[in-house]
N, C-alpha and C. Protein backbone atom coordinates (compact mmCIF):
# COMPACT_ATOMS: atom_id res chain seq x y z
N MET A 1 0.84 -1.14 0.05
CA MET A 1 0.02 -0.14 0.30
C MET A 1 1.06 1.28 0.04
N ILE A 2 0.31 2.23 -1.01
CA ILE A 2 1.10 3.51 -0.81
C ILE A 2 0.94 4.13 0.73
N VAL A 3 2.01 4.70 1.07
CA VAL A 3 1.94 5.23 2.25
C VAL A 3 1.78 7.21 2.12
N CYS A 4 3.04 7.17 1.41
CA CYS A 4 3.34 8.55 1.09
C CYS A 4 3.51 8.59 -0.39
N SER A 5 2.37 9.19 -1.23
CA SER A 5 2.14 9.42 -2.50
C SER A 5 3.19 10.47 -3.06
N CYS A 6 3.60 11.50 -2.20
CA CYS A 6 4.63 12.48 -2.58
C CYS A 6 6.06 11.93 -2.85
N ASN A 7 6.47 11.01 -1.89
CA ASN A 7 7.80 10.33 -2.24
C ASN A 7 7.75 8.92 -2.60
N VAL A 8 6.24 8.40 -2.97
CA VAL A 8 5.88 7.03 -3.37
C VAL A 8 6.76 6.15 -2.60
N LEU A 9 6.03 6.37 -1.39
CA LEU A 9 6.80 4.94 -0.32
C LEU A 9 5.65 4.07 0.10
N THR A 10 6.16 2.97 0.32
CA THR A 10 5.11 2.01 0.65
C THR A 10 5.17 1.66 2.12
N ASP A 11 4.03 1.06 2.30
CA ASP A 11 4.02 0.41 3.78
C ASP A 11 5.39 -0.30 4.19
N ARG A 12 5.58 -1.47 3.02
CA ARG A 12 7.11 -2.25 3.28
C ARG A 12 8.34 -1.38 3.44
N ASP A 13 8.30 -0.31 2.47
CA ASP A 13 9.44 0.67 2.57
C ASP A 13 9.59 1.07 4.00
N VAL A 14 8.71 1.45 4.56
CA VAL A 14 8.32 2.14 5.98
C VAL A 14 9.05 0.98 7.06
N ARG A 15 8.53 0.15 6.82
CA ARG A 15 8.60 -1.00 7.93
C ARG A 15 10.12 -1.64 7.76
N SER A 16 10.70 -1.57 6.67
CA SER A 16 11.95 -2.01 6.52
C SER A 16 12.74 -0.96 6.96
N ALA A 17 12.41 0.05 6.68
CA ALA A 17 13.52 1.48 7.50
C ALA A 17 13.55 1.35 8.94
N ILE A 18 12.19 1.03 9.55
CA ILE A 18 11.52 0.76 10.84
C ILE A 18 13.12 -0.13 11.58
N GLU A 19 13.01 -1.56 10.89
CA GLU A 19 13.46 -2.63 11.22
C GLU A 19 15.01 -2.45 11.15
N ALA A 20 15.60 -1.75 10.06
CA ALA A 20 16.77 -1.63 9.88
C ALA A 20 17.56 -0.59 10.72
N GLU A 21 16.85 0.59 10.83
CA GLU A 21 17.51 1.69 11.67
C GLU A 21 16.84 1.98 12.77
N ARG A 22 15.55 1.52 13.48
CA ARG A 22 15.11 1.97 14.72
C ARG A 22 14.95 3.30 14.57
N PRO A 23 14.21 4.28 13.87
CA PRO A 23 14.23 5.52 14.00
C PRO A 23 13.15 6.18 15.03
N ARG A 24 13.38 6.85 15.80
CA ARG A 24 12.76 7.72 16.78
C ARG A 24 11.29 8.57 16.45
N SER A 25 11.67 9.17 15.04
CA SER A 25 10.51 10.07 14.70
C SER A 25 10.22 9.79 13.16
N THR A 26 9.31 10.40 12.69
CA THR A 26 8.53 10.26 11.43
C THR A 26 9.89 11.15 10.62
N SER A 27 10.43 11.81 11.19
CA SER A 27 11.14 12.97 10.12
C SER A 27 12.93 11.70 9.82
N GLN A 28 13.04 10.74 10.61
CA GLN A 28 14.18 10.09 10.88
C GLN A 28 13.81 9.37 9.33
N ILE A 29 12.38 8.42 9.55
CA ILE A 29 12.22 7.31 8.27
C ILE A 29 12.33 8.08 7.09
N TYR A 30 11.87 9.25 6.94
CA TYR A 30 12.31 9.98 5.62
C TYR A 30 13.57 9.93 5.31
N GLY A 31 14.63 10.27 6.34
CA GLY A 31 16.30 10.11 6.17
C GLY A 31 16.57 8.98 5.79
N CYS A 32 15.99 7.92 6.65
CA CYS A 32 16.25 6.48 6.06
C CYS A 32 15.96 6.32 4.79
N LEU A 33 15.02 6.52 4.15
CA LEU A 33 14.53 6.35 2.82
C LEU A 33 15.13 7.23 1.85
N GLY A 34 16.09 8.16 2.27
CA GLY A 34 16.57 9.29 1.66
C GLY A 34 15.75 10.53 0.90
N CYS A 35 14.54 10.67 1.48
CA CYS A 35 13.71 11.57 0.98
C CYS A 35 13.36 12.71 2.06
N SER A 36 12.36 13.78 1.80
CA SER A 36 12.05 14.57 2.83
C SER A 36 10.56 14.52 2.89
N PRO A 37 9.87 14.96 3.84
CA PRO A 37 8.55 15.06 3.82
C PRO A 37 7.87 16.33 3.04
N LYS A 38 7.33 16.11 2.27
CA LYS A 38 6.46 17.32 1.44
C LYS A 38 5.17 17.53 2.03
N CYS A 39 3.98 16.99 1.77
CA CYS A 39 2.81 17.71 2.44
C CYS A 39 2.78 17.32 3.60
N GLY A 40 2.96 16.14 4.27
CA GLY A 40 3.11 15.69 5.79
C GLY A 40 1.96 14.93 5.99
N ARG A 41 0.94 14.48 4.98
CA ARG A 41 -0.34 13.77 5.33
C ARG A 41 0.02 12.53 5.64
N CYS A 42 1.04 11.80 5.09
CA CYS A 42 1.29 10.34 5.68
C CYS A 42 2.20 10.36 7.05
N ALA A 43 2.39 11.50 7.77
CA ALA A 43 3.01 11.16 9.00
C ALA A 43 2.14 10.55 10.09
N VAL A 44 0.92 10.83 10.01
CA VAL A 44 -0.23 9.88 11.03
C VAL A 44 0.27 8.12 10.43
N THR A 45 0.57 8.21 9.45
CA THR A 45 0.56 6.61 8.95
C THR A 45 1.53 6.14 9.46
N ILE A 46 2.57 7.07 8.84
CA ILE A 46 4.09 6.36 9.49
C ILE A 46 4.21 6.37 11.08
N ARG A 47 3.75 7.22 11.67
CA ARG A 47 3.77 7.15 12.94
C ARG A 47 3.02 5.68 13.62
N ARG A 48 1.90 5.68 13.07
CA ARG A 48 1.11 4.35 13.35
C ARG A 48 1.99 3.02 13.29
N LEU A 49 2.67 3.06 12.25
CA LEU A 49 3.20 1.81 11.67
C LEU A 49 4.41 1.63 12.67
N MET A 50 5.24 2.99 13.13
CA MET A 50 6.48 2.87 14.02
C MET A 50 6.03 2.40 15.33
N ASP A 51 4.67 2.78 15.82
CA ASP A 51 4.09 2.26 17.32
C ASP A 51 3.77 0.79 17.02
N GLU A 52 3.04 0.26 15.96
CA GLU A 52 2.93 -0.81 15.73
C GLU A 52 4.36 -1.77 15.97
N ALA A 53 5.20 -1.29 15.20
CA ALA A 53 6.80 -1.96 14.99
C ALA A 53 7.25 -2.20 16.66
N PHE A 54 7.26 -1.01 17.25
CA PHE A 54 7.70 -0.87 18.57
C PHE A 54 6.60 -1.19 19.77
N GLY A 55 5.72 -1.85 19.42
CA GLY A 55 4.99 -2.32 20.64
C GLY A 55 3.88 -1.33 21.24
N ARG A 56 4.11 -0.25 20.72
CA ARG A 56 3.15 0.79 21.35
C ARG A 56 1.95 1.19 20.46
N GLY A 57 1.04 0.22 20.49
CA GLY A 57 0.01 0.32 19.74
C GLY A 57 -1.09 0.69 20.77
N ARG A 58 -2.17 1.50 20.30
CA ARG A 58 -3.24 2.03 21.39
C ARG A 58 -4.16 1.01 21.46
N SER A 59 -4.64 1.12 22.76
CA SER A 59 -5.56 -0.03 22.92
C SER A 59 -6.83 0.65 22.90
N ALA A 60 -7.58 -0.21 22.60
CA ALA A 60 -8.83 0.20 22.26
C ALA A 60 -9.99 0.57 23.57
N SER A 61 -10.42 1.72 23.55
CA SER A 61 -11.31 2.33 24.97
C SER A 61 -12.80 1.78 24.69
């Protein structure tokens, strides 16, 4: 699935960067993937993927 249409990043790209580099912020994800944020709409999805990878998923209330 395309996560960032500005940089044409997929969820697999983001997950690979998370596994390889263990970034702490969404901006570090862009750096790991050799790009920079454009419009920023993907930041929420990238953060969600990071939270899932690091076991910080939000619990349902």
